[in-house]
């Protein structure tokens, strides 16, 4: 009889987002108002999703964004609400 060895590896990740000067209030054309705009990476960390998914949502038009000289910024108001579950 052959022996079978099963190895289970558990990992965890903790992301700390500091809010000091990470956002700024600016005009969102789709919301027609001044809103907080954050980086795609901060949006991903807040929602516990990958940055790639944030960019996919941008391409689909699911979330509002604005192109700035320093890169894209995302409208915080247009982000889906956090539901306590992992979004995919």
C-alpha atoms as a PDB file:
ATOM      1  CA  UNK A   1       0.000   0.000   0.000  1.00  0.00           C
ATOM      2  CA  UNK A   2       1.391   3.404  -1.014  1.00  0.00           C
ATOM      3  CA  UNK A   3       1.573   6.247   1.464  1.00  0.00           C
ATOM      4  CA  UNK A   4       0.062   9.567   0.533  1.00  0.00           C
ATOM      5  CA  UNK A   5       1.298  12.807   2.031  1.00  0.00           C
ATOM      6  CA  UNK A   6      -0.927  15.864   1.904  1.00  0.00           C
ATOM      7  CA  UNK A   7       0.511  19.302   2.617  1.00  0.00           C
ATOM      8  CA  UNK A   8      -1.774  22.236   3.339  1.00  0.00           C
ATOM      9  CA  UNK A   9      -0.394  25.757   3.230  1.00  0.00           C
ATOM     10  CA  UNK A  10      -2.433  28.597   4.657  1.00  0.00           C
ATOM     11  CA  UNK A  11      -1.555  32.194   3.937  1.00  0.00           C
ATOM     12  CA  UNK A  12      -3.003  35.509   4.923  1.00  0.00           C
ATOM     13  CA  UNK A  13      -2.514  39.080   3.792  1.00  0.00           C
ATOM     14  CA  UNK A  14      -2.968  42.341   5.608  1.00  0.00           C
ATOM     15  CA  UNK A  15      -3.128  45.584   3.673  1.00  0.00           C
ATOM     16  CA  UNK A  16      -2.828  48.880   5.475  1.00  0.00           C
ATOM     17  CA  UNK A  17      -4.027  51.922   3.578  1.00  0.00           C
ATOM     18  CA  UNK A  18      -3.075  55.258   5.014  1.00  0.00           C
ATOM     19  CA  UNK A  19      -5.457  58.039   4.115  1.00  0.00           C
ATOM     20  CA  UNK A  20      -3.142  60.995   4.572  1.00  0.00           C
ATOM     21  CA  UNK A  21      -3.043  62.788   1.214  1.00  0.00           C
ATOM     22  CA  UNK A  22      -3.900  59.607  -0.755  1.00  0.00           C
ATOM     23  CA  UNK A  23      -7.032  61.189  -2.193  1.00  0.00           C
ATOM     24  CA  UNK A  24      -8.225  64.503  -3.372  1.00  0.00           C
ATOM     25  CA  UNK A  25     -11.578  65.959  -4.158  1.00  0.00           C
ATOM     26  CA  UNK A  26     -12.054  66.679  -7.823  1.00  0.00           C
ATOM     27  CA  UNK A  27     -14.780  66.774 -10.446  1.00  0.00           C
ATOM     28  CA  UNK A  28     -16.303  63.509 -11.680  1.00  0.00           C
ATOM     29  CA  UNK A  29     -17.944  64.017 -15.057  1.00  0.00           C
ATOM     30  CA  UNK A  30     -20.276  61.018 -14.655  1.00  0.00           C
ATOM     31  CA  UNK A  31     -21.403  61.999 -11.119  1.00  0.00           C
ATOM     32  CA  UNK A  32     -21.602  65.663 -12.102  1.00  0.00           C
ATOM     33  CA  UNK A  33     -20.059  66.715  -8.817  1.00  0.00           C
ATOM     34  CA  UNK A  34     -16.929  67.050  -6.720  1.00  0.00           C
ATOM     35  CA  UNK A  35     -16.045  63.644  -5.238  1.00  0.00           C
ATOM     36  CA  UNK A  36     -13.093  61.883  -3.654  1.00  0.00           C
ATOM     37  CA  UNK A  37     -10.787  60.384  -6.234  1.00  0.00           C
ATOM     38  CA  UNK A  38      -8.345  57.644  -5.241  1.00  0.00           C
ATOM     39  CA  UNK A  39      -5.736  55.532  -6.992  1.00  0.00           C
ATOM     40  CA  UNK A  40      -6.760  52.212  -8.549  1.00  0.00           C
ATOM     41  CA  UNK A  41      -4.430  50.441  -6.100  1.00  0.00           C
ATOM     42  CA  UNK A  42      -6.147  52.029  -3.103  1.00  0.00           C
ATOM     43  CA  UNK A  43      -9.556  51.119  -4.536  1.00  0.00           C
ATOM     44  CA  UNK A  44      -8.388  47.508  -4.922  1.00  0.00           C
ATOM     45  CA  UNK A  45      -7.113  47.398  -1.343  1.00  0.00           C
ATOM     46  CA  UNK A  46     -10.353  48.836   0.041  1.00  0.00           C
ATOM     47  CA  UNK A  47     -12.489  46.281  -1.792  1.00  0.00           C
ATOM     48  CA  UNK A  48     -10.076  43.370  -1.278  1.00  0.00           C
ATOM     49  CA  UNK A  49      -9.789  42.728  -5.016  1.00  0.00           C
ATOM     50  CA  UNK A  50      -6.894  42.787  -7.437  1.00  0.00           C
ATOM     51  CA  UNK A  51      -5.767  45.961  -9.176  1.00  0.00           C
ATOM     52  CA  UNK A  52      -6.317  44.068 -12.416  1.00  0.00           C
ATOM     53  CA  UNK A  53     -10.038  43.798 -11.593  1.00  0.00           C
ATOM     54  CA  UNK A  54     -10.229  47.550 -10.937  1.00  0.00           C
ATOM     55  CA  UNK A  55      -8.705  48.210 -14.381  1.00  0.00           C
ATOM     56  CA  UNK A  56     -11.158  45.714 -15.899  1.00  0.00           C
ATOM     57  CA  UNK A  57     -14.050  47.643 -14.317  1.00  0.00           C
ATOM     58  CA  UNK A  58     -12.583  50.872 -15.714  1.00  0.00           C
ATOM     59  CA  UNK A  59     -12.465  49.377 -19.229  1.00  0.00           C
ATOM     60  CA  UNK A  60     -16.056  48.117 -18.885  1.00  0.00           C
ATOM     61  CA  UNK A  61     -17.243  51.513 -17.692  1.00  0.00           C
ATOM     62  CA  UNK A  62     -18.479  50.017 -14.408  1.00  0.00           C
ATOM     63  CA  UNK A  63     -16.649  52.624 -12.326  1.00  0.00           C
ATOM     64  CA  UNK A  64     -15.852  56.257 -13.013  1.00  0.00           C
ATOM     65  CA  UNK A  65     -12.299  57.400 -13.584  1.00  0.00           C
ATOM     66  CA  UNK A  66     -10.297  60.347 -14.734  1.00  0.00           C
ATOM     67  CA  UNK A  67      -6.946  60.492 -16.474  1.00  0.00           C
ATOM     68  CA  UNK A  68      -4.424  62.784 -14.816  1.00  0.00           C
ATOM     69  CA  UNK A  69      -0.795  63.533 -15.733  1.00  0.00           C
ATOM     70  CA  UNK A  70       0.280  61.191 -12.902  1.00  0.00           C
ATOM     71  CA  UNK A  71      -2.021  58.360 -14.000  1.00  0.00           C
ATOM     72  CA  UNK A  72      -5.609  57.255 -13.510  1.00  0.00           C
ATOM     73  CA  UNK A  73      -7.708  58.146 -10.501  1.00  0.00           C
ATOM     74  CA  UNK A  74     -10.974  56.445  -9.612  1.00  0.00           C
ATOM     75  CA  UNK A  75     -14.204  57.975  -8.324  1.00  0.00           C
ATOM     76  CA  UNK A  76     -14.764  56.621  -4.821  1.00  0.00           C
ATOM     77  CA  UNK A  77     -18.536  57.141  -5.142  1.00  0.00           C
ATOM     78  CA  UNK A  78     -18.774  54.788  -8.136  1.00  0.00           C
ATOM     79  CA  UNK A  79     -17.077  51.857  -6.373  1.00  0.00           C
ATOM     80  CA  UNK A  80     -19.329  48.941  -5.457  1.00  0.00           C
ATOM     81  CA  UNK A  81     -20.230  48.800  -1.756  1.00  0.00           C
ATOM     82  CA  UNK A  82     -18.162  46.545   0.458  1.00  0.00           C
ATOM     83  CA  UNK A  83     -20.298  43.567   1.395  1.00  0.00           C
ATOM     84  CA  UNK A  84     -17.824  41.704   3.581  1.00  0.00           C
ATOM     85  CA  UNK A  85     -17.231  39.090   0.908  1.00  0.00           C
ATOM     86  CA  UNK A  86     -14.420  38.743  -1.562  1.00  0.00           C
ATOM     87  CA  UNK A  87     -15.332  40.257  -4.918  1.00  0.00           C
ATOM     88  CA  UNK A  88     -14.089  38.486  -8.033  1.00  0.00           C
END
